[in-house]
Amino acid sequence: MNICHCSLCRKQTGTSFGVFAQVKPEDFEYVSGASLVERFESSPGNFRGFCSVCGSSVPAPSPGRPGVPIPAGTIEGDPRVRPAFHMMVGSKAPWVELHDELPRFDEFVLGHEDAHLPNSDDD
């Protein structure tokens, strides 16, 4: 799980940052409602999804990406993972102050996120 401070995540969530749980693409599947998901390409090769009925942010797998970001606020119950790092801190909202000890990256860190993907065998 990561905390992203980029302007696109802030716009998507309407908050100061986005929190996303990452899963391997092969471990992700919509059980229902896939036909209701709309996608837009927010940056080259990066897709963001939303429900065409309620507007909620939902997962939108992007081909070639190492993980599928699942907006953490859409997970019911305890996901049993916690944020592991902050990224895009270089573009965080000016009013946000970070008070935790999580690692911080000024930019997007491809490769760091895939190190935090759960194994398919994890409970």
C-alpha atoms as a PDB file:
ATOM      1  CA  MET A   1       0.000   0.000   0.000  1.00  0.00           C
ATOM      2  CA  ASN A   2       1.352   3.440  -0.842  1.00  0.00           C
ATOM      3  CA  ILE A   3       0.400   7.057  -0.323  1.00  0.00           C
ATOM      4  CA  CYS A   4       0.653   9.178  -3.462  1.00  0.00           C
ATOM      5  CA  HIS A   5       0.802  12.964  -3.271  1.00  0.00           C
ATOM      6  CA  CYS A   6       0.707  13.753  -7.013  1.00  0.00           C
ATOM      7  CA  SER A   7      -1.760  16.317  -8.288  1.00  0.00           C
ATOM      8  CA  LEU A   8      -3.635  13.685 -10.311  1.00  0.00           C
ATOM      9  CA  CYS A   9      -4.263  11.525  -7.242  1.00  0.00           C
ATOM     10  CA  ARG A  10      -5.364  14.602  -5.304  1.00  0.00           C
ATOM     11  CA  LYS A  11      -7.809  15.489  -8.089  1.00  0.00           C
ATOM     12  CA  GLN A  12      -9.061  11.913  -8.417  1.00  0.00           C
ATOM     13  CA  THR A  13      -9.734  11.538  -4.705  1.00  0.00           C
ATOM     14  CA  GLY A  14     -10.666  15.129  -3.897  1.00  0.00           C
ATOM     15  CA  THR A  15      -8.330  14.922  -0.900  1.00  0.00           C
ATOM     16  CA  SER A  16      -4.727  15.728  -0.008  1.00  0.00           C
ATOM     17  CA  PHE A  17      -3.371  12.406  -1.330  1.00  0.00           C
ATOM     18  CA  GLY A  18      -4.412   9.005  -2.638  1.00  0.00           C
ATOM     19  CA  VAL A  19      -3.861   5.745  -0.794  1.00  0.00           C
ATOM     20  CA  PHE A  20      -3.629   2.643  -2.954  1.00  0.00           C
ATOM     21  CA  ALA A  21      -3.197  -1.050  -2.221  1.00  0.00           C
ATOM     22  CA  GLN A  22      -1.230  -2.783  -4.953  1.00  0.00           C
ATOM     23  CA  VAL A  23      -1.966  -6.257  -6.261  1.00  0.00           C
ATOM     24  CA  LYS A  24      -0.343  -8.216  -9.054  1.00  0.00           C
ATOM     25  CA  PRO A  25      -2.279  -7.933 -12.331  1.00  0.00           C
ATOM     26  CA  GLU A  26      -2.715 -11.706 -12.471  1.00  0.00           C
ATOM     27  CA  ASP A  27      -4.319 -11.624  -8.998  1.00  0.00           C
ATOM     28  CA  PHE A  28      -6.892  -8.973  -9.905  1.00  0.00           C
ATOM     29  CA  GLU A  29     -10.333  -9.691 -11.299  1.00  0.00           C
ATOM     30  CA  TYR A  30     -13.647  -7.887 -11.098  1.00  0.00           C
ATOM     31  CA  VAL A  31     -16.235 -10.251  -9.659  1.00  0.00           C
ATOM     32  CA  SER A  32     -19.100  -8.070 -10.840  1.00  0.00           C
ATOM     33  CA  GLY A  33     -19.733  -4.604 -12.207  1.00  0.00           C
ATOM     34  CA  ALA A  34     -16.840  -4.519 -14.688  1.00  0.00           C
ATOM     35  CA  SER A  35     -19.174  -3.168 -17.376  1.00  0.00           C
ATOM     36  CA  LEU A  36     -19.874  -0.127 -15.176  1.00  0.00           C
ATOM     37  CA  VAL A  37     -16.213   0.896 -14.973  1.00  0.00           C
ATOM     38  CA  GLU A  38     -15.136   3.864 -17.075  1.00  0.00           C
ATOM     39  CA  ARG A  39     -11.447   4.531 -17.633  1.00  0.00           C
ATOM     40  CA  PHE A  40      -9.424   7.519 -18.652  1.00  0.00           C
ATOM     41  CA  GLU A  41      -5.731   7.811 -19.410  1.00  0.00           C
ATOM     42  CA  SER A  42      -4.463  10.403 -16.935  1.00  0.00           C
ATOM     43  CA  SER A  43      -0.889  10.138 -18.210  1.00  0.00           C
ATOM     44  CA  PRO A  44       0.673   7.973 -20.923  1.00  0.00           C
ATOM     45  CA  GLY A  45       0.028   4.331 -20.042  1.00  0.00           C
ATOM     46  CA  ASN A  46      -1.625   5.135 -16.702  1.00  0.00           C
ATOM     47  CA  PHE A  47      -5.362   4.579 -16.471  1.00  0.00           C
ATOM     48  CA  ARG A  48      -7.703   5.674 -13.722  1.00  0.00           C
ATOM     49  CA  GLY A  49     -11.087   4.121 -13.248  1.00  0.00           C
ATOM     50  CA  PHE A  50     -14.386   5.295 -11.867  1.00  0.00           C
ATOM     51  CA  CYS A  51     -17.842   3.817 -11.477  1.00  0.00           C
ATOM     52  CA  SER A  52     -20.198   5.173 -14.144  1.00  0.00           C
ATOM     53  CA  VAL A  53     -23.109   4.944 -11.666  1.00  0.00           C
ATOM     54  CA  CYS A  54     -21.770   6.525  -8.464  1.00  0.00           C
ATOM     55  CA  GLY A  55     -18.473   8.104  -9.566  1.00  0.00           C
ATOM     56  CA  SER A  56     -16.336   6.252  -7.000  1.00  0.00           C
ATOM     57  CA  SER A  57     -12.691   5.664  -7.862  1.00  0.00           C
ATOM     58  CA  VAL A  58     -12.165   2.008  -8.753  1.00  0.00           C
ATOM     59  CA  PRO A  59      -9.246  -0.080  -9.987  1.00  0.00           C
ATOM     60  CA  ALA A  60      -8.337   0.303 -13.658  1.00  0.00           C
ATOM     61  CA  PRO A  61      -5.586  -2.117 -14.638  1.00  0.00           C
ATOM     62  CA  SER A  62      -3.026  -0.567 -16.976  1.00  0.00           C
ATOM     63  CA  PRO A  63      -1.324  -2.903 -19.451  1.00  0.00           C
ATOM     64  CA  GLY A  64       2.377  -3.362 -18.729  1.00  0.00           C
ATOM     65  CA  ARG A  65       2.216  -1.975 -15.185  1.00  0.00           C
ATOM     66  CA  PRO A  66       3.628  -4.161 -12.390  1.00  0.00           C
ATOM     67  CA  GLY A  67       0.585  -3.697 -10.161  1.00  0.00           C
ATOM     68  CA  VAL A  68      -3.071  -2.774 -10.105  1.00  0.00           C
ATOM     69  CA  PRO A  69      -3.669   0.128  -7.715  1.00  0.00           C
ATOM     70  CA  ILE A  70      -6.824  -0.359  -5.680  1.00  0.00           C
ATOM     71  CA  PRO A  71      -8.107   2.830  -4.036  1.00  0.00           C
ATOM     72  CA  ALA A  72      -7.847   1.899  -0.364  1.00  0.00           C
ATOM     73  CA  GLY A  73     -11.029   3.749   0.557  1.00  0.00           C
ATOM     74  CA  THR A  74     -13.031   1.293  -1.545  1.00  0.00           C
ATOM     75  CA  ILE A  75     -11.858  -1.725   0.461  1.00  0.00           C
ATOM     76  CA  GLU A  76     -14.463  -2.900   2.937  1.00  0.00           C
ATOM     77  CA  GLY A  77     -13.042  -4.089   6.235  1.00  0.00           C
ATOM     78  CA  ASP A  78      -9.408  -4.285   7.233  1.00  0.00           C
ATOM     79  CA  PRO A  79      -7.183  -4.932   4.193  1.00  0.00           C
ATOM     80  CA  ARG A  80      -4.505  -6.285   6.581  1.00  0.00           C
ATOM     81  CA  VAL A  81      -1.819  -4.122   5.006  1.00  0.00           C
ATOM     82  CA  ARG A  82      -0.723  -0.621   5.896  1.00  0.00           C
ATOM     83  CA  PRO A  83       0.947   2.118   3.855  1.00  0.00           C
ATOM     84  CA  ALA A  84       4.622   1.339   3.292  1.00  0.00           C
ATOM     85  CA  PHE A  85       5.827   4.632   1.791  1.00  0.00           C
ATOM     86  CA  HIS A  86       4.929   8.087   0.476  1.00  0.00           C
ATOM     87  CA  MET A  87       5.635   8.909  -3.159  1.00  0.00           C
ATOM     88  CA  MET A  88       5.420  12.083  -5.216  1.00  0.00           C
ATOM     89  CA  VAL A  89       6.173  14.031  -2.031  1.00  0.00           C
ATOM     90  CA  GLY A  90       7.849  16.639  -4.232  1.00  0.00           C
ATOM     91  CA  SER A  91       4.403  17.682  -5.480  1.00  0.00           C
ATOM     92  CA  LYS A  92       2.370  17.261  -2.291  1.00  0.00           C
ATOM     93  CA  ALA A  93      -0.233  19.849  -1.358  1.00  0.00           C
ATOM     94  CA  PRO A  94       1.445  22.780   0.427  1.00  0.00           C
ATOM     95  CA  TRP A  95      -0.798  22.459   3.485  1.00  0.00           C
ATOM     96  CA  VAL A  96       0.101  18.792   4.111  1.00  0.00           C
ATOM     97  CA  GLU A  97       2.589  18.024   6.872  1.00  0.00           C
ATOM     98  CA  LEU A  98       3.881  14.476   7.140  1.00  0.00           C
ATOM     99  CA  HIS A  99       4.293  13.234  10.697  1.00  0.00           C
ATOM    100  CA  ASP A 100       5.065   9.551  10.219  1.00  0.00           C
ATOM    101  CA  GLU A 101       8.334   7.703   9.713  1.00  0.00           C
ATOM    102  CA  LEU A 102       7.449   6.050   6.379  1.00  0.00           C
ATOM    103  CA  PRO A 103      10.016   6.288   3.570  1.00  0.00           C
ATOM    104  CA  ARG A 104       9.455   9.310   1.301  1.00  0.00           C
ATOM    105  CA  PHE A 105      10.157   9.641  -2.395  1.00  0.00           C
ATOM    106  CA  ASP A 106       9.946  12.975  -4.222  1.00  0.00           C
ATOM    107  CA  GLU A 107       8.848  11.301  -7.464  1.00  0.00           C
ATOM    108  CA  PHE A 108       7.116   8.169  -8.703  1.00  0.00           C
ATOM    109  CA  VAL A 109       9.259   5.149  -7.983  1.00  0.00           C
ATOM    110  CA  LEU A 110       8.599   2.324 -10.426  1.00  0.00           C
ATOM    111  CA  GLY A 111      10.107  -0.801  -8.997  1.00  0.00           C
ATOM    112  CA  HIS A 112       9.603   0.259  -5.403  1.00  0.00           C
ATOM    113  CA  GLU A 113       5.884  -0.421  -5.662  1.00  0.00           C
ATOM    114  CA  ASP A 114       6.356  -3.940  -7.032  1.00  0.00           C
ATOM    115  CA  ALA A 115       8.529  -4.794  -4.041  1.00  0.00           C
ATOM    116  CA  HIS A 116       5.413  -4.370  -1.893  1.00  0.00           C
ATOM    117  CA  LEU A 117       3.054  -6.538  -3.914  1.00  0.00           C
ATOM    118  CA  PRO A 118       1.649  -9.369  -1.853  1.00  0.00           C
ATOM    119  CA  ASN A 119       2.357 -12.943  -2.899  1.00  0.00           C
ATOM    120  CA  SER A 120      -0.547 -14.845  -4.419  1.00  0.00           C
ATOM    121  CA  ASP A 121      -0.295 -17.252  -1.493  1.00  0.00           C
ATOM    122  CA  ASP A 122      -0.683 -14.544   1.183  1.00  0.00           C
ATOM    123  CA  ASP A 123      -3.739 -14.871   3.429  1.00  0.00           C
END
